[in-house]
Amino acid sequence: MNPQDIAAQAIAERKCLRASYNGDLLIIAPHVLYTHHDAYFIDGVVLSRNGAPAKQVKMGVFKLTGLKKPAVDEQAYTPIRKFQPYGAEFKGTVVASV
């Protein structure tokens, strides 16, 4: 399965995404998968980094090619209420969203 399909599956199932990013093992609650300049990106909340809980809850942007060995994690998540996956910044580019 390619990384785009893995990310889309995680979003559809409201399951976390586990991947290595810049040398850190992250557990991410993905909220949207979209394209920008012919590349795929995920906006999501980092729930843990290297096994430690995140210090703050905030949306991050991750280039999909930077996520190494992405996999759907069994941990479920609840999307952030104020997140708007169909805002102007995503117009016509959304592949999957919460």
PDB file of N, CA and C in Angstrom:
ATOM      1  N   MET A   1       0.858  -1.175   0.000  1.00  0.00           N
ATOM      2  CA  MET A   1       0.000   0.000   0.000  1.00  0.00           C
ATOM      3  C   MET A   1       0.906   1.240   0.000  1.00  0.00           C
ATOM      4  N   ASN A   2       0.565   2.232  -0.812  1.00  0.00           N
ATOM      5  CA  ASN A   2       1.401   3.439  -0.876  1.00  0.00           C
ATOM      6  C   ASN A   2       1.083   4.386   0.282  1.00  0.00           C
ATOM      7  N   PRO A   3       1.982   5.329   0.568  1.00  0.00           N
ATOM      8  CA  PRO A   3       1.787   6.233   1.711  1.00  0.00           C
ATOM      9  C   PRO A   3       0.481   7.033   1.656  1.00  0.00           C
ATOM     10  N   GLN A   4       0.040   7.429   0.465  1.00  0.00           N
ATOM     11  CA  GLN A   4      -1.211   8.179   0.349  1.00  0.00           C
ATOM     12  C   GLN A   4      -2.387   7.319   0.806  1.00  0.00           C
ATOM     13  N   ASP A   5      -2.404   6.054   0.404  1.00  0.00           N
ATOM     14  CA  ASP A   5      -3.489   5.153   0.803  1.00  0.00           C
ATOM     15  C   ASP A   5      -3.462   4.870   2.301  1.00  0.00           C
ATOM     16  N   ILE A   6      -2.269   4.735   2.857  1.00  0.00           N
ATOM     17  CA  ILE A   6      -2.134   4.508   4.303  1.00  0.00           C
ATOM     18  C   ILE A   6      -2.677   5.705   5.069  1.00  0.00           C
ATOM     19  N   ALA A   7      -2.301   6.917   4.640  1.00  0.00           N
ATOM     20  CA  ALA A   7      -2.778   8.131   5.301  1.00  0.00           C
ATOM     21  C   ALA A   7      -4.293   8.272   5.157  1.00  0.00           C
ATOM     22  N   ALA A   8      -4.817   8.010   3.974  1.00  0.00           N
ATOM     23  CA  ALA A   8      -6.261   8.107   3.748  1.00  0.00           C
ATOM     24  C   ALA A   8      -7.019   7.098   4.604  1.00  0.00           C
ATOM     25  N   GLN A   9      -6.479   5.884   4.739  1.00  0.00           N
ATOM     26  CA  GLN A   9      -7.102   4.869   5.583  1.00  0.00           C
ATOM     27  C   GLN A   9      -7.132   5.317   7.042  1.00  0.00           C
ATOM     28  N   ALA A  10      -6.021   5.858   7.524  1.00  0.00           N
ATOM     29  CA  ALA A  10      -5.963   6.333   8.911  1.00  0.00           C
ATOM     30  C   ALA A  10      -7.011   7.411   9.149  1.00  0.00           C
ATOM     31  N   ILE A  11      -7.142   8.328   8.212  1.00  0.00           N
ATOM     32  CA  ILE A  11      -8.129   9.404   8.346  1.00  0.00           C
ATOM     33  C   ILE A  11      -9.541   8.837   8.331  1.00  0.00           C
ATOM     34  N   ALA A  12      -9.830   7.953   7.388  1.00  0.00           N
ATOM     35  CA  ALA A  12     -11.173   7.379   7.269  1.00  0.00           C
ATOM     36  C   ALA A  12     -11.577   6.600   8.514  1.00  0.00           C
ATOM     37  N   GLU A  13     -10.615   5.897   9.104  1.00  0.00           N
ATOM     38  CA  GLU A  13     -10.904   5.078  10.289  1.00  0.00           C
ATOM     39  C   GLU A  13     -10.732   5.843  11.599  1.00  0.00           C
ATOM     40  N   ARG A  14     -10.294   7.111  11.520  1.00  0.00           N
ATOM     41  CA  ARG A  14     -10.010   7.933  12.708  1.00  0.00           C
ATOM     42  C   ARG A  14      -8.990   7.226  13.605  1.00  0.00           C
ATOM     43  N   LYS A  15      -7.984   6.647  12.957  1.00  0.00           N
ATOM     44  CA  LYS A  15      -6.890   5.973  13.665  1.00  0.00           C
ATOM     45  C   LYS A  15      -5.634   6.820  13.498  1.00  0.00           C
ATOM     46  N   CYS A  16      -4.743   6.723  14.439  1.00  0.00           N
ATOM     47  CA  CYS A  16      -3.491   7.475  14.377  1.00  0.00           C
ATOM     48  C   CYS A  16      -2.573   6.907  13.307  1.00  0.00           C
ATOM     49  N   LEU A  17      -1.632   7.725  12.919  1.00  0.00           N
ATOM     50  CA  LEU A  17      -0.614   7.347  11.957  1.00  0.00           C
ATOM     51  C   LEU A  17       0.708   7.311  12.695  1.00  0.00           C
ATOM     52  N   ARG A  18       1.423   6.209  12.558  1.00  0.00           N
ATOM     53  CA  ARG A  18       2.731   6.044  13.201  1.00  0.00           C
ATOM     54  C   ARG A  18       3.783   6.133  12.108  1.00  0.00           C
ATOM     55  N   ALA A  19       4.797   6.981  12.309  1.00  0.00           N
ATOM     56  CA  ALA A  19       5.854   7.128  11.303  1.00  0.00           C
ATOM     57  C   ALA A  19       7.075   7.777  11.922  1.00  0.00           C
ATOM     58  N   SER A  20       8.176   7.625  11.236  1.00  0.00           N
ATOM     59  CA  SER A  20       9.407   8.306  11.617  1.00  0.00           C
ATOM     60  C   SER A  20       9.463   9.614  10.820  1.00  0.00           C
ATOM     61  N   TYR A  21       9.804  10.695  11.495  1.00  0.00           N
ATOM     62  CA  TYR A  21       9.871  12.006  10.842  1.00  0.00           C
ATOM     63  C   TYR A  21      11.049  12.767  11.429  1.00  0.00           C
ATOM     64  N   ASN A  22      12.002  13.106  10.587  1.00  0.00           N
ATOM     65  CA  ASN A  22      13.223  13.795  11.035  1.00  0.00           C
ATOM     66  C   ASN A  22      13.902  13.067  12.198  1.00  0.00           C
ATOM     67  N   GLY A  23      13.913  11.743  12.135  1.00  0.00           N
ATOM     68  CA  GLY A  23      14.594  10.952  13.154  1.00  0.00           C
ATOM     69  C   GLY A  23      13.786  10.658  14.401  1.00  0.00           C
ATOM     70  N   ASP A  24      12.585  11.203  14.503  1.00  0.00           N
ATOM     71  CA  ASP A  24      11.725  10.968  15.665  1.00  0.00           C
ATOM     72  C   ASP A  24      10.593  10.015  15.288  1.00  0.00           C
ATOM     73  N   LEU A  25      10.189   9.176  16.235  1.00  0.00           N
ATOM     74  CA  LEU A  25       9.022   8.328  16.038  1.00  0.00           C
ATOM     75  C   LEU A  25       7.804   9.105  16.516  1.00  0.00           C
ATOM     76  N   LEU A  26       6.880   9.378  15.591  1.00  0.00           N
ATOM     77  CA  LEU A  26       5.699  10.178  15.910  1.00  0.00           C
ATOM     78  C   LEU A  26       4.437   9.338  15.848  1.00  0.00           C
ATOM     79  N   ILE A  27       3.490   9.680  16.701  1.00  0.00           N
ATOM     80  CA  ILE A  27       2.114   9.201  16.599  1.00  0.00           C
ATOM     81  C   ILE A  27       1.307  10.465  16.295  1.00  0.00           C
ATOM     82  N   ILE A  28       0.684  10.465  15.118  1.00  0.00           N
ATOM     83  CA  ILE A  28      -0.025  11.651  14.626  1.00  0.00           C
ATOM     84  C   ILE A  28      -1.505  11.325  14.464  1.00  0.00           C
ATOM     85  N   ALA A  29      -2.364  12.267  14.867  1.00  0.00           N
ATOM     86  CA  ALA A  29      -3.794  12.182  14.599  1.00  0.00           C
ATOM     87  C   ALA A  29      -4.028  12.967  13.309  1.00  0.00           C
ATOM     88  N   PRO A  30      -4.053  12.285  12.156  1.00  0.00           N
ATOM     89  CA  PRO A  30      -4.171  12.993  10.878  1.00  0.00           C
ATOM     90  C   PRO A  30      -5.578  13.532  10.664  1.00  0.00           C
ATOM     91  N   HIS A  31      -5.676  14.782  10.216  1.00  0.00           N
ATOM     92  CA  HIS A  31      -6.974  15.400   9.993  1.00  0.00           C
ATOM     93  C   HIS A  31      -7.295  15.608   8.514  1.00  0.00           C
ATOM     94  N   VAL A  32      -6.263  15.825   7.698  1.00  0.00           N
ATOM     95  CA  VAL A  32      -6.515  16.035   6.275  1.00  0.00           C
ATOM     96  C   VAL A  32      -5.280  15.628   5.471  1.00  0.00           C
ATOM     97  N   LEU A  33      -5.533  15.012   4.330  1.00  0.00           N
ATOM     98  CA  LEU A  33      -4.506  14.679   3.354  1.00  0.00           C
ATOM     99  C   LEU A  33      -4.837  15.506   2.118  1.00  0.00           C
ATOM    100  N   TYR A  34      -3.871  16.266   1.619  1.00  0.00           N
ATOM    101  CA  TYR A  34      -4.121  17.142   0.480  1.00  0.00           C
ATOM    102  C   TYR A  34      -2.868  17.283  -0.368  1.00  0.00           C
ATOM    103  N   THR A  35      -3.043  17.892  -1.531  1.00  0.00           N
ATOM    104  CA  THR A  35      -1.915  18.139  -2.416  1.00  0.00           C
ATOM    105  C   THR A  35      -1.604  19.628  -2.454  1.00  0.00           C
ATOM    106  N   HIS A  36      -0.330  19.916  -2.679  1.00  0.00           N
ATOM    107  CA  HIS A  36       0.124  21.298  -2.831  1.00  0.00           C
ATOM    108  C   HIS A  36       1.384  21.248  -3.693  1.00  0.00           C
ATOM    109  N   HIS A  37       1.367  21.937  -4.809  1.00  0.00           N
ATOM    110  CA  HIS A  37       2.501  21.916  -5.745  1.00  0.00           C
ATOM    111  C   HIS A  37       2.921  20.491  -6.082  1.00  0.00           C
ATOM    112  N   ASP A  38       1.948  19.652  -6.418  1.00  0.00           N
ATOM    113  CA  ASP A  38       2.178  18.263  -6.838  1.00  0.00           C
ATOM    114  C   ASP A  38       2.815  17.373  -5.767  1.00  0.00           C
ATOM    115  N   ALA A  39       2.702  17.747  -4.510  1.00  0.00           N
ATOM    116  CA  ALA A  39       3.200  16.921  -3.404  1.00  0.00           C
ATOM    117  C   ALA A  39       2.048  16.701  -2.423  1.00  0.00           C
ATOM    118  N   TYR A  40       2.114  15.593  -1.690  1.00  0.00           N
ATOM    119  CA  TYR A  40       1.094  15.292  -0.689  1.00  0.00           C
ATOM    120  C   TYR A  40       1.537  15.787   0.682  1.00  0.00           C
ATOM    121  N   PHE A  41       0.560  16.313   1.433  1.00  0.00           N
ATOM    122  CA  PHE A  41       0.796  16.800   2.788  1.00  0.00           C
ATOM    123  C   PHE A  41      -0.294  16.282   3.708  1.00  0.00           C
ATOM    124  N   ILE A  42       0.051  16.165   4.985  1.00  0.00           N
ATOM    125  CA  ILE A  42      -0.906  15.817   6.032  1.00  0.00           C
ATOM    126  C   ILE A  42      -0.871  16.934   7.066  1.00  0.00           C
ATOM    127  N   ASP A  43      -2.034  17.386   7.473  1.00  0.00           N
ATOM    128  CA  ASP A  43      -2.142  18.248   8.640  1.00  0.00           C
ATOM    129  C   ASP A  43      -2.687  17.368   9.757  1.00  0.00           C
ATOM    130  N   GLY A  44      -2.006  17.379  10.892  1.00  0.00           N
ATOM    131  CA  GLY A  44      -2.429  16.541  11.991  1.00  0.00           C
ATOM    132  C   GLY A  44      -1.809  16.975  13.305  1.00  0.00           C
ATOM    133  N   VAL A  45      -2.278  16.384  14.365  1.00  0.00           N
ATOM    134  CA  VAL A  45      -1.814  16.694  15.711  1.00  0.00           C
ATOM    135  C   VAL A  45      -0.857  15.603  16.162  1.00  0.00           C
ATOM    136  N   VAL A  46       0.343  15.988  16.592  1.00  0.00           N
ATOM    137  CA  VAL A  46       1.290  15.031  17.147  1.00  0.00           C
ATOM    138  C   VAL A  46       0.832  14.694  18.564  1.00  0.00           C
ATOM    139  N   LEU A  47       0.533  13.415  18.790  1.00  0.00           N
ATOM    140  CA  LEU A  47       0.102  12.972  20.117  1.00  0.00           C
ATOM    141  C   LEU A  47       1.279  12.505  20.954  1.00  0.00           C
ATOM    142  N   SER A  48       2.296  11.939  20.291  1.00  0.00           N
ATOM    143  CA  SER A  48       3.507  11.556  21.027  1.00  0.00           C
ATOM    144  C   SER A  48       4.722  11.605  20.108  1.00  0.00           C
ATOM    145  N   ARG A  49       5.856  11.853  20.718  1.00  0.00           N
ATOM    146  CA  ARG A  49       7.146  11.913  20.024  1.00  0.00           C
ATOM    147  C   ARG A  49       8.113  11.050  20.812  1.00  0.00           C
ATOM    148  N   ASN A  50       8.622  10.008  20.149  1.00  0.00           N
ATOM    149  CA  ASN A  50       9.555   9.072  20.788  1.00  0.00           C
ATOM    150  C   ASN A  50       8.995   8.488  22.082  1.00  0.00           C
ATOM    151  N   GLY A  51       7.695   8.223  22.108  1.00  0.00           N
ATOM    152  CA  GLY A  51       7.062   7.596  23.260  1.00  0.00           C
ATOM    153  C   GLY A  51       6.600   8.541  24.350  1.00  0.00           C
ATOM    154  N   ALA A  52       6.972   9.806  24.264  1.00  0.00           N
ATOM    155  CA  ALA A  52       6.563  10.792  25.277  1.00  0.00           C
ATOM    156  C   ALA A  52       5.364  11.586  24.760  1.00  0.00           C
ATOM    157  N   PRO A  53       4.383  11.852  25.628  1.00  0.00           N
ATOM    158  CA  PRO A  53       3.227  12.645  25.194  1.00  0.00           C
ATOM    159  C   PRO A  53       3.651  14.029  24.698  1.00  0.00           C
ATOM    160  N   ALA A  54       2.897  14.540  23.735  1.00  0.00           N
ATOM    161  CA  ALA A  54       3.184  15.877  23.214  1.00  0.00           C
ATOM    162  C   ALA A  54       2.988  16.917  24.306  1.00  0.00           C
ATOM    163  N   LYS A  55       3.795  17.964  24.259  1.00  0.00           N
ATOM    164  CA  LYS A  55       3.717  19.016  25.272  1.00  0.00           C
ATOM    165  C   LYS A  55       2.524  19.928  25.073  1.00  0.00           C
ATOM    166  N   GLN A  56       2.081  20.069  23.819  1.00  0.00           N
ATOM    167  CA  GLN A  56       0.911  20.905  23.546  1.00  0.00           C
ATOM    168  C   GLN A  56       0.137  20.327  22.373  1.00  0.00           C
ATOM    169  N   VAL A  57      -1.136  20.631  22.318  1.00  0.00           N
ATOM    170  CA  VAL A  57      -1.989  20.165  21.233  1.00  0.00           C
ATOM    171  C   VAL A  57      -2.057  21.271  20.188  1.00  0.00           C
ATOM    172  N   LYS A  58      -1.457  20.993  19.028  1.00  0.00           N
ATOM    173  CA  LYS A  58      -1.529  21.962  17.936  1.00  0.00           C
ATOM    174  C   LYS A  58      -1.399  21.227  16.618  1.00  0.00           C
ATOM    175  N   MET A  59      -1.980  21.817  15.602  1.00  0.00           N
ATOM    176  CA  MET A  59      -1.959  21.242  14.274  1.00  0.00           C
ATOM    177  C   MET A  59      -0.581  21.449  13.657  1.00  0.00           C
ATOM    178  N   GLY A  60      -0.031  20.392  13.066  1.00  0.00           N
ATOM    179  CA  GLY A  60       1.239  20.473  12.365  1.00  0.00           C
ATOM    180  C   GLY A  60       1.040  20.090  10.914  1.00  0.00           C
ATOM    181  N   VAL A  61       1.987  20.482  10.075  1.00  0.00           N
ATOM    182  CA  VAL A  61       1.951  20.168   8.651  1.00  0.00           C
ATOM    183  C   VAL A  61       3.136  19.255   8.358  1.00  0.00           C
ATOM    184  N   PHE A  62       2.862  18.137   7.685  1.00  0.00           N
ATOM    185  CA  PHE A  62       3.892  17.161   7.379  1.00  0.00           C
ATOM    186  C   PHE A  62       3.859  16.808   5.902  1.00  0.00           C
ATOM    187  N   LYS A  63       5.004  16.927   5.239  1.00  0.00           N
ATOM    188  CA  LYS A  63       5.099  16.485   3.861  1.00  0.00           C
ATOM    189  C   LYS A  63       5.139  14.959   3.895  1.00  0.00           C
ATOM    190  N   LEU A  64       4.278  14.331   3.124  1.00  0.00           N
ATOM    191  CA  LEU A  64       4.130  12.883   3.189  1.00  0.00           C
ATOM    192  C   LEU A  64       5.428  12.152   2.862  1.00  0.00           C
ATOM    193  N   THR A  65       6.232  12.674   1.955  1.00  0.00           N
ATOM    194  CA  THR A  65       7.495  12.005   1.632  1.00  0.00           C
ATOM    195  C   THR A  65       8.478  12.045   2.800  1.00  0.00           C
ATOM    196  N   GLY A  66       8.254  12.938   3.757  1.00  0.00           N
ATOM    197  CA  GLY A  66       9.111  13.016   4.938  1.00  0.00           C
ATOM    198  C   GLY A  66       8.757  12.015   6.010  1.00  0.00           C
ATOM    199  N   LEU A  67       7.569  11.437   5.912  1.00  0.00           N
ATOM    200  CA  LEU A  67       7.138  10.425   6.876  1.00  0.00           C
ATOM    201  C   LEU A  67       7.658   9.067   6.422  1.00  0.00           C
ATOM    202  N   LYS A  68       8.580   8.500   7.158  1.00  0.00           N
ATOM    203  CA  LYS A  68       9.185   7.218   6.795  1.00  0.00           C
ATOM    204  C   LYS A  68       8.435   6.057   7.440  1.00  0.00           C
ATOM    205  N   LYS A  69       8.173   5.047   6.648  1.00  0.00           N
ATOM    206  CA  LYS A  69       7.468   3.836   7.090  1.00  0.00           C
ATOM    207  C   LYS A  69       6.146   4.151   7.791  1.00  0.00           C
ATOM    208  N   PRO A  70       5.261   4.926   7.138  1.00  0.00           N
ATOM    209  CA  PRO A  70       3.974   5.222   7.773  1.00  0.00           C
ATOM    210  C   PRO A  70       3.120   3.966   7.917  1.00  0.00           C
ATOM    211  N   ALA A  71       2.399   3.899   9.027  1.00  0.00           N
ATOM    212  CA  ALA A  71       1.511   2.767   9.290  1.00  0.00           C
ATOM    213  C   ALA A  71       0.321   3.248  10.103  1.00  0.00           C
ATOM    214  N   VAL A  72      -0.817   2.621   9.876  1.00  0.00           N
ATOM    215  CA  VAL A  72      -2.005   2.926  10.668  1.00  0.00           C
ATOM    216  C   VAL A  72      -1.802   2.309  12.046  1.00  0.00           C
ATOM    217  N   ASP A  73      -1.973   3.110  13.077  1.00  0.00           N
ATOM    218  CA  ASP A  73      -1.835   2.666  14.457  1.00  0.00           C
ATOM    219  C   ASP A  73      -3.216   2.261  14.972  1.00  0.00           C
ATOM    220  N   GLU A  74      -3.266   1.412  15.959  1.00  0.00           N
ATOM    221  CA  GLU A  74      -4.555   0.993  16.521  1.00  0.00           C
ATOM    222  C   GLU A  74      -5.214   2.074  17.374  1.00  0.00           C
ATOM    223  N   GLN A  75      -4.453   3.070  17.798  1.00  0.00           N
ATOM    224  CA  GLN A  75      -4.987   4.127  18.650  1.00  0.00           C
ATOM    225  C   GLN A  75      -5.958   5.014  17.868  1.00  0.00           C
ATOM    226  N   ALA A  76      -7.184   5.128  18.370  1.00  0.00           N
ATOM    227  CA  ALA A  76      -8.187   6.002  17.759  1.00  0.00           C
ATOM    228  C   ALA A  76      -8.024   7.417  18.310  1.00  0.00           C
ATOM    229  N   TYR A  77      -8.594   8.388  17.607  1.00  0.00           N
ATOM    230  CA  TYR A  77      -8.539   9.778  18.064  1.00  0.00           C
ATOM    231  C   TYR A  77      -9.837  10.488  17.736  1.00  0.00           C
ATOM    232  N   THR A  78     -10.071  11.578  18.430  1.00  0.00           N
ATOM    233  CA  THR A  78     -11.216  12.443  18.163  1.00  0.00           C
ATOM    234  C   THR A  78     -10.687  13.701  17.481  1.00  0.00           C
ATOM    235  N   PRO A  79     -11.221  14.038  16.306  1.00  0.00           N
ATOM    236  CA  PRO A  79     -10.746  15.240  15.607  1.00  0.00           C
ATOM    237  C   PRO A  79     -10.960  16.507  16.427  1.00  0.00           C
ATOM    238  N   ILE A  80     -10.120  17.484  16.193  1.00  0.00           N
ATOM    239  CA  ILE A  80     -10.260  18.791  16.828  1.00  0.00           C
ATOM    240  C   ILE A  80     -11.522  19.450  16.275  1.00  0.00           C
ATOM    241  N   ARG A  81     -12.374  19.924  17.144  1.00  0.00           N
ATOM    242  CA  ARG A  81     -13.664  20.496  16.725  1.00  0.00           C
ATOM    243  C   ARG A  81     -13.540  21.675  15.777  1.00  0.00           C
ATOM    244  N   LYS A  82     -12.596  22.558  16.032  1.00  0.00           N
ATOM    245  CA  LYS A  82     -12.498  23.776  15.227  1.00  0.00           C
ATOM    246  C   LYS A  82     -11.821  23.570  13.870  1.00  0.00           C
ATOM    247  N   PHE A  83     -11.354  22.351  13.587  1.00  0.00           N
ATOM    248  CA  PHE A  83     -10.679  22.100  12.320  1.00  0.00           C
ATOM    249  C   PHE A  83     -11.665  22.155  11.160  1.00  0.00           C
ATOM    250  N   GLN A  84     -11.326  22.897  10.128  1.00  0.00           N
ATOM    251  CA  GLN A  84     -12.171  23.065   8.948  1.00  0.00           C
ATOM    252  C   GLN A  84     -11.436  22.526   7.718  1.00  0.00           C
ATOM    253  N   PRO A  85     -11.656  21.261   7.343  1.00  0.00           N
ATOM    254  CA  PRO A  85     -10.911  20.675   6.237  1.00  0.00           C
ATOM    255  C   PRO A  85     -11.282  21.219   4.860  1.00  0.00           C
ATOM    256  N   TYR A  86     -12.348  21.983   4.782  1.00  0.00           N
ATOM    257  CA  TYR A  86     -12.737  22.517   3.486  1.00  0.00           C
ATOM    258  C   TYR A  86     -12.638  24.028   3.446  1.00  0.00           C
ATOM    259  N   GLY A  87     -11.686  24.576   4.214  1.00  0.00           N
ATOM    260  CA  GLY A  87     -11.421  26.004   4.183  1.00  0.00           C
ATOM    261  C   GLY A  87     -10.767  26.387   2.867  1.00  0.00           C
ATOM    262  N   ALA A  88     -10.621  27.653   2.650  1.00  0.00           N
ATOM    263  CA  ALA A  88     -10.070  28.186   1.397  1.00  0.00           C
ATOM    264  C   ALA A  88      -8.684  27.626   1.086  1.00  0.00           C
ATOM    265  N   GLU A  89      -7.881  27.389   2.113  1.00  0.00           N
ATOM    266  CA  GLU A  89      -6.516  26.911   1.868  1.00  0.00           C
ATOM    267  C   GLU A  89      -6.473  25.495   1.293  1.00  0.00           C
ATOM    268  N   PHE A  90      -7.572  24.752   1.409  1.00  0.00           N
ATOM    269  CA  PHE A  90      -7.619  23.390   0.900  1.00  0.00           C
ATOM    270  C   PHE A  90      -8.461  23.250  -0.369  1.00  0.00           C
ATOM    271  N   LYS A  91      -8.998  24.318  -0.888  1.00  0.00           N
ATOM    272  CA  LYS A  91      -9.941  24.271  -2.003  1.00  0.00           C
ATOM    273  C   LYS A  91      -9.377  23.482  -3.186  1.00  0.00           C
ATOM    274  N   GLY A  92     -10.083  22.423  -3.547  1.00  0.00           N
ATOM    275  CA  GLY A  92      -9.726  21.620  -4.699  1.00  0.00           C
ATOM    276  C   GLY A  92      -8.537  20.703  -4.537  1.00  0.00           C
ATOM    277  N   THR A  93      -8.010  20.587  -3.324  1.00  0.00           N
ATOM    278  CA  THR A  93      -6.803  19.791  -3.136  1.00  0.00           C
ATOM    279  C   THR A  93      -6.976  18.637  -2.152  1.00  0.00           C
ATOM    280  N   VAL A  94      -8.110  18.545  -1.485  1.00  0.00           N
ATOM    281  CA  VAL A  94      -8.314  17.541  -0.439  1.00  0.00           C
ATOM    282  C   VAL A  94      -8.495  16.144  -1.040  1.00  0.00           C
ATOM    283  N   VAL A  95      -7.715  15.205  -0.517  1.00  0.00           N
ATOM    284  CA  VAL A  95      -7.811  13.801  -0.920  1.00  0.00           C
ATOM    285  C   VAL A  95      -8.651  13.046   0.103  1.00  0.00           C
ATOM    286  N   ALA A  96      -8.433  13.328   1.385  1.00  0.00           N
ATOM    287  CA  ALA A  96      -9.194  12.690   2.473  1.00  0.00           C
ATOM    288  C   ALA A  96      -9.191  13.632   3.665  1.00  0.00           C
ATOM    289  N   SER A  97     -10.285  13.655   4.404  1.00  0.00           N
ATOM    290  CA  SER A  97     -10.349  14.501   5.605  1.00  0.00           C
ATOM    291  C   SER A  97     -11.320  13.915   6.617  1.00  0.00           C
ATOM    292  N   VAL A  98     -11.187  14.400   7.868  1.00  0.00           N
ATOM    293  CA  VAL A  98     -12.087  13.969   8.941  1.00  0.00           C
ATOM    294  C   VAL A  98     -13.445  14.580   8.731  1.00  0.00           C
TER     295      VAL A  98
END
